[in-house]
């Protein structure tokens, strides 16, 4: 158990199967001992659920740019519409890691963001006649 603890402290991203191979036992035995040590298997990326004031301001700026600079341009054809998802240009794969009982992940979400027109709307579909005529 001490050897397992030392291995986890050296590299907390090792899977239970890798640890089992190094220790010469089954991965379920490793998982049992890790849980006895108070370790849990969590993803190593923290995704914020609340928007920061900077992110809120950026959304307003993006909206204003769309509404003012693209009046004569058919920008609706380039619009991506979705619901409650983050769209990143590069999606990094998330790795899991072993953390203590009250430990949380403190990494930042990184990704290159390009100029993509993205509309996130939880409102019901536009049914007003004037709105439909404007969109079509």
Protein backbone atom coordinates (compact mmCIF):
# COMPACT_ATOMS: atom_id res chain seq x y z
CA UNK A 1 0.00 0.00 0.00
CA UNK A 2 2.93 2.35 0.69
CA UNK A 3 4.39 1.59 -2.74
CA UNK A 4 1.00 2.38 -4.34
CA UNK A 5 0.80 5.68 -2.43
CA UNK A 6 4.31 6.59 -3.56
CA UNK A 7 3.47 5.80 -7.22
CA UNK A 8 0.34 7.98 -7.08
CA UNK A 9 2.28 10.87 -5.52
CA UNK A 10 4.87 10.64 -8.32
CA UNK A 11 2.30 10.53 -11.15
CA UNK A 12 -1.35 11.00 -10.20
CA UNK A 13 -2.52 10.45 -13.80
CA UNK A 14 -1.62 6.74 -13.88
CA UNK A 15 -4.62 4.50 -14.50
CA UNK A 16 -5.46 1.62 -12.20
CA UNK A 17 -4.41 -0.81 -14.95
CA UNK A 18 -0.96 0.82 -15.29
CA UNK A 19 -0.54 0.77 -11.52
CA UNK A 20 -1.62 -2.88 -11.40
CA UNK A 21 0.94 -3.76 -14.06
CA UNK A 22 3.72 -2.05 -12.08
CA UNK A 23 2.64 -3.65 -8.80
CA UNK A 24 1.91 -7.09 -10.23
CA UNK A 25 -1.71 -7.37 -9.07
CA UNK A 26 -5.20 -6.90 -10.52
CA UNK A 27 -6.56 -3.45 -11.28
CA UNK A 28 -9.57 -4.06 -9.00
CA UNK A 29 -7.18 -4.61 -6.08
CA UNK A 30 -5.48 -1.31 -6.94
CA UNK A 31 -8.86 0.47 -7.09
CA UNK A 32 -9.88 -0.94 -3.71
CA UNK A 33 -6.63 0.27 -2.10
CA UNK A 34 -6.90 3.68 -3.78
CA UNK A 35 -10.40 4.14 -2.41
CA UNK A 36 -9.13 3.08 1.02
CA UNK A 37 -6.52 5.85 0.67
CA UNK A 38 -9.38 8.29 -0.04
CA UNK A 39 -8.55 8.76 -3.72
CA UNK A 40 -11.18 9.31 -6.41
CA UNK A 41 -10.81 9.25 -10.19
CA UNK A 42 -11.73 12.69 -11.63
CA UNK A 43 -11.30 14.52 -14.89
CA UNK A 44 -8.38 16.94 -14.91
CA UNK A 45 -10.16 19.91 -16.48
CA UNK A 46 -12.34 22.37 -14.66
CA UNK A 47 -15.19 23.82 -16.73
CA UNK A 48 -16.79 26.99 -15.33
CA UNK A 49 -20.57 27.06 -15.16
CA UNK A 50 -20.92 30.77 -14.38
CA UNK A 51 -19.79 33.40 -16.84
CA UNK A 52 -17.30 35.99 -15.67
CA UNK A 53 -18.05 39.70 -16.23
CA UNK A 54 -15.46 39.67 -19.04
CA UNK A 55 -17.26 36.79 -20.80
CA UNK A 56 -20.62 38.56 -20.45
CA UNK A 57 -19.16 41.75 -21.93
CA UNK A 58 -17.61 39.76 -24.78
CA UNK A 59 -21.03 38.32 -25.65
CA UNK A 60 -22.57 41.79 -25.78
CA UNK A 61 -19.69 43.03 -27.97
CA UNK A 62 -20.09 40.07 -30.35
CA UNK A 63 -23.82 40.75 -30.63
CA UNK A 64 -23.27 44.45 -31.31
CA UNK A 65 -20.67 43.66 -33.97
CA UNK A 66 -23.06 41.27 -35.72
CA UNK A 67 -25.91 43.74 -35.65
CA UNK A 68 -23.92 46.79 -36.80
CA UNK A 69 -21.19 45.66 -39.18
CA UNK A 70 -23.04 42.94 -41.05
CA UNK A 71 -26.21 44.73 -42.13
CA UNK A 72 -25.56 44.18 -45.86
CA UNK A 73 -23.92 40.78 -45.50
CA UNK A 74 -25.83 37.49 -45.48
CA UNK A 75 -24.39 36.39 -42.13
CA UNK A 76 -27.29 34.10 -41.25
CA UNK A 77 -25.76 31.45 -43.53
CA UNK A 78 -22.63 31.38 -41.32
CA UNK A 79 -24.55 31.12 -38.07
CA UNK A 80 -24.14 28.09 -35.81
CA UNK A 81 -27.09 27.52 -33.52
CA UNK A 82 -26.91 25.29 -30.47
CA UNK A 83 -27.95 24.87 -26.89
CA UNK A 84 -25.74 24.79 -23.76
CA UNK A 85 -22.44 23.70 -25.30
CA UNK A 86 -19.04 25.34 -25.59
CA UNK A 87 -17.62 25.29 -29.10
CA UNK A 88 -13.83 25.35 -29.18
CA UNK A 89 -11.57 25.41 -32.21
CA UNK A 90 -9.26 22.86 -30.60
CA UNK A 91 -10.77 20.40 -28.16
CA UNK A 92 -8.05 19.00 -25.94
CA UNK A 93 -8.61 15.51 -24.63
CA UNK A 94 -9.34 15.45 -20.95
CA UNK A 95 -7.25 13.19 -18.76
CA UNK A 96 -8.39 11.77 -15.47
CA UNK A 97 -6.31 11.84 -12.33
CA UNK A 98 -6.43 10.50 -8.79
CA UNK A 99 -7.31 13.18 -6.23
CA UNK A 100 -7.81 13.20 -2.49
CA UNK A 101 -11.26 13.16 -0.89
CA UNK A 102 -11.68 16.95 -0.65
CA UNK A 103 -9.31 17.90 -3.46
CA UNK A 104 -10.68 19.67 -6.55
CA UNK A 105 -9.26 20.20 -10.00
CA UNK A 106 -7.67 23.64 -10.37
CA UNK A 107 -6.68 23.63 -14.05
CA UNK A 108 -8.00 26.13 -16.59
CA UNK A 109 -9.83 25.21 -19.76
CA UNK A 110 -7.65 26.12 -22.73
CA UNK A 111 -8.62 26.29 -26.35
CA UNK A 112 -8.01 28.47 -29.35
CA UNK A 113 -11.13 30.43 -30.18
CA UNK A 114 -11.76 31.64 -33.71
CA UNK A 115 -14.36 34.01 -35.09
CA UNK A 116 -17.38 31.73 -35.24
CA UNK A 117 -20.87 33.15 -35.21
CA UNK A 118 -22.66 31.18 -32.52
CA UNK A 119 -26.17 31.81 -31.24
CA UNK A 120 -27.26 30.33 -27.94
CA UNK A 121 -30.96 30.82 -27.40
CA UNK A 122 -33.16 29.15 -24.82
CA UNK A 123 -36.22 31.12 -25.88
CA UNK A 124 -39.06 29.49 -27.75
CA UNK A 125 -38.91 29.57 -31.57
CA UNK A 126 -39.73 32.86 -33.29
CA UNK A 127 -43.39 32.72 -34.26
CA UNK A 128 -44.15 36.38 -34.86
CA UNK A 129 -44.86 37.04 -38.55
CA UNK A 130 -42.53 40.06 -38.73
CA UNK A 131 -39.67 38.09 -37.15
CA UNK A 132 -40.12 35.15 -39.53
CA UNK A 133 -40.15 37.49 -42.54
CA UNK A 134 -36.94 39.16 -41.34
CA UNK A 135 -35.18 35.81 -40.83
CA UNK A 136 -36.31 34.32 -44.12
